[in-house]
């Protein structure tokens, strides 16, 4: 008697907005911590790290918009089935 393969599990489809918010919060916290060490960063030639944190935080807004749209489609998909 041939063995039947186990059923395939459903793919994960978690809400994505919390991930976008967590990423933005992480960039903000790191930027604020680095702001405390601004003089040391400038002395070491790493003052661009603050700009990198700002860019990461600001790029989070388009990412957040995309994730909000993704979650809205996800809710519609689940409501339709």
C-alpha atoms as a PDB file:
ATOM      1  CA  UNK A   1       0.000   0.000   0.000  1.00  0.00           C
ATOM      2  CA  UNK A   2       1.640   3.312  -1.055  1.00  0.00           C
ATOM      3  CA  UNK A   3       2.110   5.880   1.635  1.00  0.00           C
ATOM      4  CA  UNK A   4       0.284   9.155   1.116  1.00  0.00           C
ATOM      5  CA  UNK A   5       2.366  12.300   1.528  1.00  0.00           C
ATOM      6  CA  UNK A   6       1.357  14.557   4.391  1.00  0.00           C
ATOM      7  CA  UNK A   7      -0.861  17.509   3.457  1.00  0.00           C
ATOM      8  CA  UNK A   8       0.937  20.720   2.572  1.00  0.00           C
ATOM      9  CA  UNK A   9       0.736  23.355   5.294  1.00  0.00           C
ATOM     10  CA  UNK A  10      -0.833  26.679   4.464  1.00  0.00           C
ATOM     11  CA  UNK A  11       1.742  29.429   3.799  1.00  0.00           C
ATOM     12  CA  UNK A  12       2.229  31.992   6.524  1.00  0.00           C
ATOM     13  CA  UNK A  13       0.612  35.335   5.807  1.00  0.00           C
ATOM     14  CA  UNK A  14       1.152  37.479   8.903  1.00  0.00           C
ATOM     15  CA  UNK A  15       0.241  41.158   9.112  1.00  0.00           C
ATOM     16  CA  UNK A  16       3.237  43.140   7.866  1.00  0.00           C
ATOM     17  CA  UNK A  17       2.590  46.606   9.350  1.00  0.00           C
ATOM     18  CA  UNK A  18       4.116  45.657  12.736  1.00  0.00           C
ATOM     19  CA  UNK A  19       7.328  44.604  10.980  1.00  0.00           C
ATOM     20  CA  UNK A  20       7.549  47.949   9.167  1.00  0.00           C
ATOM     21  CA  UNK A  21       6.890  49.853  12.397  1.00  0.00           C
ATOM     22  CA  UNK A  22       9.477  47.792  14.261  1.00  0.00           C
ATOM     23  CA  UNK A  23      12.072  48.527  11.596  1.00  0.00           C
ATOM     24  CA  UNK A  24      11.343  52.244  11.733  1.00  0.00           C
ATOM     25  CA  UNK A  25      11.524  52.193  15.527  1.00  0.00           C
ATOM     26  CA  UNK A  26      14.848  50.347  15.406  1.00  0.00           C
ATOM     27  CA  UNK A  27      16.367  52.963  13.059  1.00  0.00           C
ATOM     28  CA  UNK A  28      15.022  55.759  15.269  1.00  0.00           C
ATOM     29  CA  UNK A  29      16.396  54.255  18.474  1.00  0.00           C
ATOM     30  CA  UNK A  30      19.812  53.591  16.944  1.00  0.00           C
ATOM     31  CA  UNK A  31      19.873  57.121  15.549  1.00  0.00           C
ATOM     32  CA  UNK A  32      19.011  58.619  18.921  1.00  0.00           C
ATOM     33  CA  UNK A  33      21.689  56.539  20.654  1.00  0.00           C
ATOM     34  CA  UNK A  34      24.262  57.569  18.062  1.00  0.00           C
ATOM     35  CA  UNK A  35      23.191  61.182  18.506  1.00  0.00           C
ATOM     36  CA  UNK A  36      24.474  60.953  22.086  1.00  0.00           C
ATOM     37  CA  UNK A  37      27.897  60.000  20.698  1.00  0.00           C
ATOM     38  CA  UNK A  38      27.920  62.585  17.895  1.00  0.00           C
ATOM     39  CA  UNK A  39      31.283  64.087  18.937  1.00  0.00           C
ATOM     40  CA  UNK A  40      32.999  60.695  19.090  1.00  0.00           C
ATOM     41  CA  UNK A  41      31.539  59.719  15.729  1.00  0.00           C
ATOM     42  CA  UNK A  42      32.786  62.956  14.153  1.00  0.00           C
ATOM     43  CA  UNK A  43      36.247  62.460  15.637  1.00  0.00           C
ATOM     44  CA  UNK A  44      36.396  58.938  14.198  1.00  0.00           C
ATOM     45  CA  UNK A  45      35.085  60.068  10.803  1.00  0.00           C
ATOM     46  CA  UNK A  46      31.756  58.241  11.173  1.00  0.00           C
ATOM     47  CA  UNK A  47      29.353  61.175  11.280  1.00  0.00           C
ATOM     48  CA  UNK A  48      27.576  59.705   8.247  1.00  0.00           C
ATOM     49  CA  UNK A  49      26.163  56.961  10.496  1.00  0.00           C
ATOM     50  CA  UNK A  50      23.591  59.459  11.773  1.00  0.00           C
ATOM     51  CA  UNK A  51      22.519  60.194   8.189  1.00  0.00           C
ATOM     52  CA  UNK A  52      22.275  56.465   7.511  1.00  0.00           C
ATOM     53  CA  UNK A  53      19.909  56.090  10.483  1.00  0.00           C
ATOM     54  CA  UNK A  54      17.836  59.021   9.271  1.00  0.00           C
ATOM     55  CA  UNK A  55      17.654  57.535   5.780  1.00  0.00           C
ATOM     56  CA  UNK A  56      16.619  54.151   7.194  1.00  0.00           C
ATOM     57  CA  UNK A  57      13.880  55.775   9.234  1.00  0.00           C
ATOM     58  CA  UNK A  58      12.615  57.900   6.338  1.00  0.00           C
ATOM     59  CA  UNK A  59      12.653  54.944   3.892  1.00  0.00           C
ATOM     60  CA  UNK A  60      10.409  53.230   6.421  1.00  0.00           C
ATOM     61  CA  UNK A  61       7.506  55.499   5.439  1.00  0.00           C
ATOM     62  CA  UNK A  62       7.201  54.199   1.866  1.00  0.00           C
ATOM     63  CA  UNK A  63       7.714  50.700   3.248  1.00  0.00           C
ATOM     64  CA  UNK A  64       4.953  51.277   5.777  1.00  0.00           C
ATOM     65  CA  UNK A  65       2.617  52.448   3.011  1.00  0.00           C
ATOM     66  CA  UNK A  66       3.365  49.317   0.981  1.00  0.00           C
ATOM     67  CA  UNK A  67       2.790  47.084   4.001  1.00  0.00           C
ATOM     68  CA  UNK A  68      -0.505  48.824   4.806  1.00  0.00           C
ATOM     69  CA  UNK A  69      -1.636  48.158   1.239  1.00  0.00           C
ATOM     70  CA  UNK A  70      -0.448  44.536   1.508  1.00  0.00           C
ATOM     71  CA  UNK A  71      -2.409  44.043   4.720  1.00  0.00           C
ATOM     72  CA  UNK A  72      -5.545  45.558   3.183  1.00  0.00           C
ATOM     73  CA  UNK A  73      -5.302  43.085   0.286  1.00  0.00           C
ATOM     74  CA  UNK A  74      -4.674  40.305   2.799  1.00  0.00           C
ATOM     75  CA  UNK A  75      -7.850  41.202   4.721  1.00  0.00           C
ATOM     76  CA  UNK A  76      -9.876  41.257   1.479  1.00  0.00           C
ATOM     77  CA  UNK A  77      -8.447  37.881   0.418  1.00  0.00           C
ATOM     78  CA  UNK A  78      -9.352  36.316   3.740  1.00  0.00           C
ATOM     79  CA  UNK A  79     -12.836  37.844   3.745  1.00  0.00           C
ATOM     80  CA  UNK A  80     -13.488  36.480   0.242  1.00  0.00           C
ATOM     81  CA  UNK A  81     -12.610  32.898   1.163  1.00  0.00           C
END
